[in-house]
Amino acid sequence: MTESTGSGQADIRVVSPNATPEEVAAVTVVVTQALAELADELGAETGPGVSAWQRSQRQLRSPLHPGPGAWRSFSA
């Protein structure tokens, strides 16, 4: 069973009375590596998205250019 200790490492407890020290070491390495890879994948996926401030600063439409023929009336 694994639990997070808050220090970035897993607290691994072996409950089998028949586990040899070599088996415990092997399981510890495999579980620690799997957790490290998972943490790397989750960290890589979450990037700094576009903030609401940045979205509000975008241009919503192209600028209007007044002049002859630029404005049309609704009556043809």
N, C-alpha and C. Protein backbone atom coordinates (compact mmCIF):
# COMPACT_ATOMS: atom_id res chain seq x y z
N MET A 1 0.85 -1.18 0.00
CA MET A 1 0.00 0.00 0.00
C MET A 1 0.90 1.24 0.00
N THR A 2 0.55 2.25 -0.77
CA THR A 2 1.35 3.48 -0.81
C THR A 2 0.53 4.65 -0.31
N GLU A 3 1.19 5.55 0.37
CA GLU A 3 0.56 6.77 0.85
C GLU A 3 1.53 7.91 0.64
N SER A 4 1.01 9.07 0.38
CA SER A 4 1.86 10.24 0.20
C SER A 4 2.21 10.81 1.56
N THR A 5 3.49 11.14 1.72
CA THR A 5 3.94 11.71 2.99
C THR A 5 4.01 13.22 2.94
N GLY A 6 3.75 13.81 1.78
CA GLY A 6 3.81 15.25 1.65
C GLY A 6 5.21 15.76 1.31
N SER A 7 6.21 14.90 1.41
CA SER A 7 7.58 15.31 1.11
C SER A 7 7.98 14.95 -0.32
N GLY A 8 7.01 14.49 -1.13
CA GLY A 8 7.32 14.12 -2.50
C GLY A 8 7.71 12.66 -2.62
N GLN A 9 7.77 11.93 -1.53
CA GLN A 9 8.11 10.52 -1.56
C GLN A 9 6.93 9.70 -1.08
N ALA A 10 6.90 8.43 -1.48
CA ALA A 10 5.81 7.56 -1.09
C ALA A 10 6.19 6.81 0.18
N ASP A 11 5.22 6.62 1.04
CA ASP A 11 5.40 5.82 2.25
C ASP A 11 4.91 4.43 1.90
N ILE A 12 5.82 3.50 1.68
CA ILE A 12 5.48 2.15 1.25
C ILE A 12 5.58 1.22 2.44
N ARG A 13 4.50 0.50 2.71
CA ARG A 13 4.47 -0.45 3.82
C ARG A 13 4.26 -1.85 3.27
N VAL A 14 5.11 -2.75 3.65
CA VAL A 14 4.99 -4.14 3.23
C VAL A 14 4.31 -4.90 4.35
N VAL A 15 3.20 -5.56 4.02
CA VAL A 15 2.44 -6.27 5.04
C VAL A 15 2.65 -7.78 4.97
N SER A 16 3.40 -8.25 4.02
CA SER A 16 3.68 -9.68 3.90
C SER A 16 4.80 -10.07 4.84
N PRO A 17 4.61 -11.07 5.69
CA PRO A 17 5.68 -11.47 6.61
C PRO A 17 6.77 -12.28 5.90
N ASN A 18 6.52 -12.75 4.70
CA ASN A 18 7.47 -13.62 4.00
C ASN A 18 8.31 -12.88 2.97
N ALA A 19 8.21 -11.57 2.87
CA ALA A 19 8.96 -10.81 1.86
C ALA A 19 10.43 -10.71 2.27
N THR A 20 11.29 -11.01 1.30
CA THR A 20 12.73 -10.90 1.57
C THR A 20 13.15 -9.45 1.38
N PRO A 21 14.28 -9.07 1.95
CA PRO A 21 14.76 -7.69 1.75
C PRO A 21 14.97 -7.34 0.27
N GLU A 22 15.38 -8.31 -0.54
CA GLU A 22 15.57 -8.06 -1.97
C GLU A 22 14.24 -7.79 -2.66
N GLU A 23 13.20 -8.54 -2.28
CA GLU A 23 11.89 -8.33 -2.86
C GLU A 23 11.32 -6.96 -2.46
N VAL A 24 11.51 -6.59 -1.21
CA VAL A 24 11.04 -5.29 -0.74
C VAL A 24 11.75 -4.17 -1.49
N ALA A 25 13.06 -4.34 -1.69
CA ALA A 25 13.83 -3.33 -2.42
C ALA A 25 13.35 -3.21 -3.86
N ALA A 26 13.09 -4.35 -4.50
CA ALA A 26 12.65 -4.34 -5.89
C ALA A 26 11.28 -3.67 -6.02
N VAL A 27 10.36 -4.03 -5.16
CA VAL A 27 9.02 -3.42 -5.20
C VAL A 27 9.10 -1.93 -4.93
N THR A 28 9.93 -1.54 -3.99
CA THR A 28 10.09 -0.12 -3.66
C THR A 28 10.58 0.67 -4.86
N VAL A 29 11.57 0.13 -5.57
CA VAL A 29 12.11 0.83 -6.74
C VAL A 29 11.05 0.95 -7.83
N VAL A 30 10.33 -0.13 -8.10
CA VAL A 30 9.33 -0.12 -9.17
C VAL A 30 8.20 0.86 -8.85
N VAL A 31 7.68 0.81 -7.62
CA VAL A 31 6.58 1.69 -7.25
C VAL A 31 7.03 3.15 -7.23
N THR A 32 8.21 3.41 -6.72
CA THR A 32 8.72 4.78 -6.67
C THR A 32 8.90 5.34 -8.08
N GLN A 33 9.44 4.53 -9.01
CA GLN A 33 9.61 4.99 -10.39
C GLN A 33 8.27 5.23 -11.07
N ALA A 34 7.30 4.34 -10.82
CA ALA A 34 5.98 4.52 -11.44
C ALA A 34 5.33 5.80 -10.94
N LEU A 35 5.44 6.08 -9.65
CA LEU A 35 4.87 7.31 -9.11
C LEU A 35 5.58 8.54 -9.65
N ALA A 36 6.89 8.46 -9.80
CA ALA A 36 7.65 9.60 -10.34
C ALA A 36 7.26 9.87 -11.79
N GLU A 37 7.09 8.81 -12.59
CA GLU A 37 6.68 8.99 -13.98
C GLU A 37 5.27 9.58 -14.07
N LEU A 38 4.39 9.12 -13.22
CA LEU A 38 3.03 9.66 -13.21
C LEU A 38 3.03 11.14 -12.83
N ALA A 39 3.83 11.50 -11.85
CA ALA A 39 3.92 12.90 -11.44
C ALA A 39 4.49 13.76 -12.57
N ASP A 40 5.47 13.23 -13.30
CA ASP A 40 6.03 13.98 -14.44
C ASP A 40 5.00 14.18 -15.53
N GLU A 41 4.23 13.13 -15.82
CA GLU A 41 3.20 13.25 -16.86
C GLU A 41 2.13 14.25 -16.47
N LEU A 42 1.71 14.21 -15.24
CA LEU A 42 0.68 15.15 -14.79
C LEU A 42 1.21 16.58 -14.78
N GLY A 43 2.46 16.76 -14.42
CA GLY A 43 3.06 18.09 -14.41
C GLY A 43 3.25 18.64 -15.81
N ALA A 44 3.53 17.77 -16.78
CA ALA A 44 3.77 18.22 -18.15
C ALA A 44 2.46 18.59 -18.84
N GLU A 45 1.35 17.94 -18.46
CA GLU A 45 0.08 18.21 -19.12
C GLU A 45 -0.53 19.54 -18.71
N THR A 46 -0.34 19.91 -17.49
CA THR A 46 -0.94 21.14 -17.02
C THR A 46 0.01 22.30 -17.27
N GLY A 47 -0.34 23.12 -18.21
CA GLY A 47 0.45 24.29 -18.52
C GLY A 47 -0.30 25.54 -18.13
N PRO A 48 0.40 26.64 -18.16
CA PRO A 48 -0.29 27.89 -17.84
C PRO A 48 -1.21 28.28 -18.99
N GLY A 49 -2.48 28.17 -18.79
CA GLY A 49 -3.45 28.51 -19.83
C GLY A 49 -3.55 30.01 -20.00
N VAL A 50 -4.43 30.42 -20.87
CA VAL A 50 -4.65 31.84 -21.11
C VAL A 50 -5.53 32.37 -19.99
N SER A 51 -5.08 33.41 -19.35
CA SER A 51 -5.84 33.98 -18.25
C SER A 51 -7.01 34.81 -18.77
N ALA A 52 -7.95 35.09 -17.90
CA ALA A 52 -9.09 35.91 -18.27
C ALA A 52 -8.63 37.30 -18.71
N TRP A 53 -7.59 37.80 -18.09
CA TRP A 53 -7.05 39.11 -18.46
C TRP A 53 -6.52 39.08 -19.90
N GLN A 54 -5.80 38.03 -20.26
CA GLN A 54 -5.27 37.93 -21.62
C GLN A 54 -6.41 37.77 -22.63
N ARG A 55 -7.43 37.00 -22.29
CA ARG A 55 -8.56 36.84 -23.21
C ARG A 55 -9.28 38.17 -23.43
N SER A 56 -9.39 38.99 -22.40
CA SER A 56 -10.10 40.25 -22.54
C SER A 56 -9.31 41.27 -23.35
N GLN A 57 -8.03 41.05 -23.54
CA GLN A 57 -7.20 42.01 -24.27
C GLN A 57 -7.16 41.72 -25.77
N ARG A 58 -7.74 40.60 -26.19
CA ARG A 58 -7.75 40.29 -27.62
C ARG A 58 -8.71 41.20 -28.36
N GLN A 59 -8.42 41.40 -29.62
CA GLN A 59 -9.29 42.21 -30.46
C GLN A 59 -10.52 41.37 -30.84
N LEU A 60 -11.69 41.90 -30.63
CA LEU A 60 -12.90 41.14 -30.90
C LEU A 60 -13.33 41.21 -32.35
N ARG A 61 -13.03 42.27 -33.03
CA ARG A 61 -13.39 42.40 -34.43
C ARG A 61 -12.35 43.27 -35.12
N SER A 62 -12.41 43.28 -36.44
CA SER A 62 -11.48 44.13 -37.19
C SER A 62 -11.90 45.58 -37.02
N PRO A 63 -10.96 46.50 -37.09
CA PRO A 63 -11.32 47.90 -36.89
C PRO A 63 -12.21 48.42 -38.02
N LEU A 64 -13.07 49.38 -37.69
CA LEU A 64 -13.95 50.01 -38.67
C LEU A 64 -13.21 51.17 -39.32
N HIS A 65 -13.34 51.27 -40.62
CA HIS A 65 -12.67 52.34 -41.36
C HIS A 65 -13.74 53.21 -42.01
N PRO A 66 -14.04 54.37 -41.45
CA PRO A 66 -15.05 55.24 -42.05
C PRO A 66 -14.51 55.89 -43.33
N GLY A 67 -15.41 56.20 -44.21
CA GLY A 67 -15.03 56.87 -45.44
C GLY A 67 -16.10 56.64 -46.50
N PRO A 68 -15.90 57.22 -47.70
CA PRO A 68 -16.88 57.06 -48.77
C PRO A 68 -17.06 55.57 -49.12
N GLY A 69 -18.30 55.14 -49.10
CA GLY A 69 -18.62 53.75 -49.47
C GLY A 69 -18.40 52.75 -48.35
N ALA A 70 -17.82 53.18 -47.26
CA ALA A 70 -17.56 52.25 -46.18
C ALA A 70 -18.81 51.95 -45.38
N TRP A 71 -19.70 52.92 -45.27
CA TRP A 71 -20.93 52.74 -44.51
C TRP A 71 -22.07 52.60 -45.49
N ARG A 72 -22.88 51.61 -45.31
CA ARG A 72 -24.04 51.42 -46.18
C ARG A 72 -25.29 51.64 -45.35
N SER A 73 -26.26 52.22 -45.96
CA SER A 73 -27.53 52.41 -45.27
C SER A 73 -28.39 51.19 -45.45
N PHE A 74 -29.38 51.05 -44.61
CA PHE A 74 -30.26 49.90 -44.70
C PHE A 74 -31.31 50.07 -45.79
N SER A 75 -31.47 51.28 -46.26
CA SER A 75 -32.42 51.49 -47.36
C SER A 75 -31.66 51.50 -48.66
N ALA A 76 -31.99 50.59 -49.52
CA ALA A 76 -31.25 50.43 -50.77
C ALA A 76 -31.54 51.44 -51.79
